[in-house]
Protein backbone atom coordinates (compact mmCIF):
# COMPACT_ATOMS: atom_id res chain seq x y z
CA UNK A 1 -45.66 -18.42 -12.20
CA UNK A 2 -43.87 -15.04 -12.07
CA UNK A 3 -41.63 -16.18 -9.24
CA UNK A 4 -40.67 -19.32 -11.17
CA UNK A 5 -39.82 -17.25 -14.24
CA UNK A 6 -37.73 -14.83 -12.15
CA UNK A 7 -35.82 -17.79 -10.71
CA UNK A 8 -35.27 -19.39 -14.12
CA UNK A 9 -34.12 -16.17 -15.77
CA UNK A 10 -31.96 -15.38 -12.75
CA UNK A 11 -30.17 -18.67 -13.34
CA UNK A 12 -29.85 -17.90 -17.03
CA UNK A 13 -28.45 -14.46 -16.19
CA UNK A 14 -25.91 -15.95 -13.80
CA UNK A 15 -24.81 -18.52 -16.38
CA UNK A 16 -24.49 -15.79 -19.00
CA UNK A 17 -22.41 -13.70 -16.58
CA UNK A 18 -20.10 -16.66 -15.98
CA UNK A 19 -19.52 -17.15 -19.72
CA UNK A 20 -19.11 -13.45 -20.59
CA UNK A 21 -16.79 -12.78 -17.65
CA UNK A 22 -14.68 -15.83 -18.46
CA UNK A 23 -14.27 -15.00 -22.14
CA UNK A 24 -13.47 -11.32 -21.54
CA UNK A 25 -11.12 -11.96 -18.62
CA UNK A 26 -9.23 -14.62 -20.59
CA UNK A 27 -8.69 -12.23 -23.51
CA UNK A 28 -7.97 -9.15 -21.44
CA UNK A 29 -4.60 -8.75 -19.76
CA UNK A 30 -5.02 -5.31 -18.33
CA UNK A 31 -4.91 -6.30 -14.68
CA UNK A 32 -8.36 -4.77 -14.30
CA UNK A 33 -11.45 -6.94 -13.78
CA UNK A 34 -12.78 -5.96 -17.21
CA UNK A 35 -15.03 -9.01 -17.46
CA UNK A 36 -16.97 -8.01 -14.38
CA UNK A 37 -16.99 -4.38 -15.48
CA UNK A 38 -18.39 -5.31 -18.90
CA UNK A 39 -21.06 -7.50 -17.32
CA UNK A 40 -22.18 -4.75 -14.96
CA UNK A 41 -22.16 -2.02 -17.60
CA UNK A 42 -24.01 -4.13 -20.19
CA UNK A 43 -26.47 -5.29 -17.53
CA UNK A 44 -27.08 -1.68 -16.55
CA UNK A 45 -27.68 -0.76 -20.19
CA UNK A 46 -30.17 -3.60 -20.54
CA UNK A 47 -31.92 -2.54 -17.33
CA UNK A 48 -32.12 1.02 -18.68
CA UNK A 49 -33.65 -0.24 -21.93
CA UNK A 50 -36.16 -2.34 -20.01
CA UNK A 51 -37.05 0.57 -17.74
CA UNK A 52 -37.50 2.83 -20.74
CA UNK A 53 -39.64 0.20 -22.44
CA UNK A 54 -41.80 0.01 -19.31
CA UNK A 55 -42.08 3.80 -18.94
CA UNK A 56 -42.51 4.83 -22.57
CA UNK A 57 -43.73 1.79 -24.48
CA UNK A 58 -45.98 -0.06 -22.06
CA UNK A 59 -43.84 -3.13 -21.48
CA UNK A 60 -45.97 -5.48 -19.43
CA UNK A 61 -45.21 -5.29 -15.70
CA UNK A 62 -44.70 -9.03 -15.34
CA UNK A 63 -42.32 -9.12 -18.31
CA UNK A 64 -40.42 -6.19 -16.81
CA UNK A 65 -40.11 -7.86 -13.41
CA UNK A 66 -39.05 -11.18 -14.89
CA UNK A 67 -36.41 -9.62 -17.15
CA UNK A 68 -35.17 -6.87 -14.82
CA UNK A 69 -35.19 -8.72 -11.52
CA UNK A 70 -34.63 -12.19 -12.95
CA UNK A 71 -32.17 -11.91 -15.81
CA UNK A 72 -30.49 -8.59 -14.95
CA UNK A 73 -30.39 -9.46 -11.26
CA UNK A 74 -28.67 -12.76 -12.01
CA UNK A 75 -26.42 -11.29 -14.69
CA UNK A 76 -25.02 -8.26 -12.87
CA UNK A 77 -22.81 -8.61 -9.83
CA UNK A 78 -22.03 -5.81 -7.43
CA UNK A 79 -20.52 -8.19 -4.88
CA UNK A 80 -17.94 -9.63 -7.28
CA UNK A 81 -16.99 -6.13 -8.41
CA UNK A 82 -16.37 -5.08 -4.82
CA UNK A 83 -14.40 -8.23 -3.97
CA UNK A 84 -12.18 -7.70 -7.02
CA UNK A 85 -11.67 -4.05 -6.09
CA UNK A 86 -10.73 -4.90 -2.51
CA UNK A 87 -8.29 -7.57 -3.74
CA UNK A 88 -6.59 -5.01 -5.96
CA UNK A 89 -6.30 -2.56 -3.06
CA UNK A 90 -5.06 -5.23 -0.65
CA UNK A 91 -2.49 -6.28 -3.23
CA UNK A 92 -1.12 -2.75 -3.24
CA UNK A 93 -2.63 -1.74 -6.57
CA UNK A 94 -4.71 1.12 -5.24
CA UNK A 95 -4.67 2.98 -8.56
CA UNK A 96 -6.29 0.07 -10.37
CA UNK A 97 -8.76 -0.37 -7.51
CA UNK A 98 -9.83 3.27 -7.80
CA UNK A 99 -10.08 3.03 -11.59
CA UNK A 100 -12.17 -0.14 -11.25
CA UNK A 101 -14.66 1.19 -8.73
CA UNK A 102 -14.95 4.67 -10.26
CA UNK A 103 -15.06 3.44 -13.84
CA UNK A 104 -17.65 0.80 -13.02
CA UNK A 105 -19.90 3.27 -11.23
CA UNK A 106 -19.70 6.00 -13.85
CA UNK A 107 -20.07 3.65 -16.81
CA UNK A 108 -22.93 1.65 -15.27
CA UNK A 109 -24.95 4.74 -14.41
CA UNK A 110 -24.26 6.24 -17.85
CA UNK A 111 -25.26 2.98 -19.55
CA UNK A 112 -28.54 2.79 -17.62
CA UNK A 113 -29.32 6.43 -18.40
CA UNK A 114 -28.49 5.88 -22.07
CA UNK A 115 -30.86 2.91 -22.18
CA UNK A 116 -33.74 4.93 -20.73
CA UNK A 117 -32.90 7.88 -23.02
CA UNK A 118 -32.84 5.62 -26.08
CA UNK A 119 -36.32 4.32 -25.30
CA UNK A 120 -37.56 7.85 -24.62
CA UNK A 121 -36.15 8.97 -27.97
CA UNK A 122 -37.96 6.13 -29.72
CA UNK A 123 -41.15 7.28 -28.03
CA UNK A 124 -40.66 10.76 -29.42
CA UNK A 125 -40.48 9.52 -33.03
C-alpha cells in the first residue's frame, strides 16, 4: 500500500510542479527560471518541515515516506534546474546561469534548514 501511495503522491507532486512552474514562469520575465527555482525552494521547505515533524513530533514513518519521497520527490526537480542552467550558459548568459545554480542551492538548503528549525522550535514550546 505504501508503494502505491508514494506513486500516487509522486504524480500529484509532478502535476503540482507543472502548474506552479507554468504560472510563475508566465508571470515572471526575469530571464531566470524562477518557476523551477520556486518549486525547488518550496519543496525543500516542505521536506524540512516533514523531516522536523518526523524528528521532533513523531510523524508516522509511513506518512513521512509517502509525503517526502512521493509528493516532494515528484514536486521538486533537480534535473530541470540543471537543464535550464546549462541552456542559459550555452546561450552565453553565464551570469544568469551562475545566479540560477547558486541561488537555487543556497535558497533550497536554507529553506530545508528553516523547515527543520521551525519544527524544532515548536517542539521547544
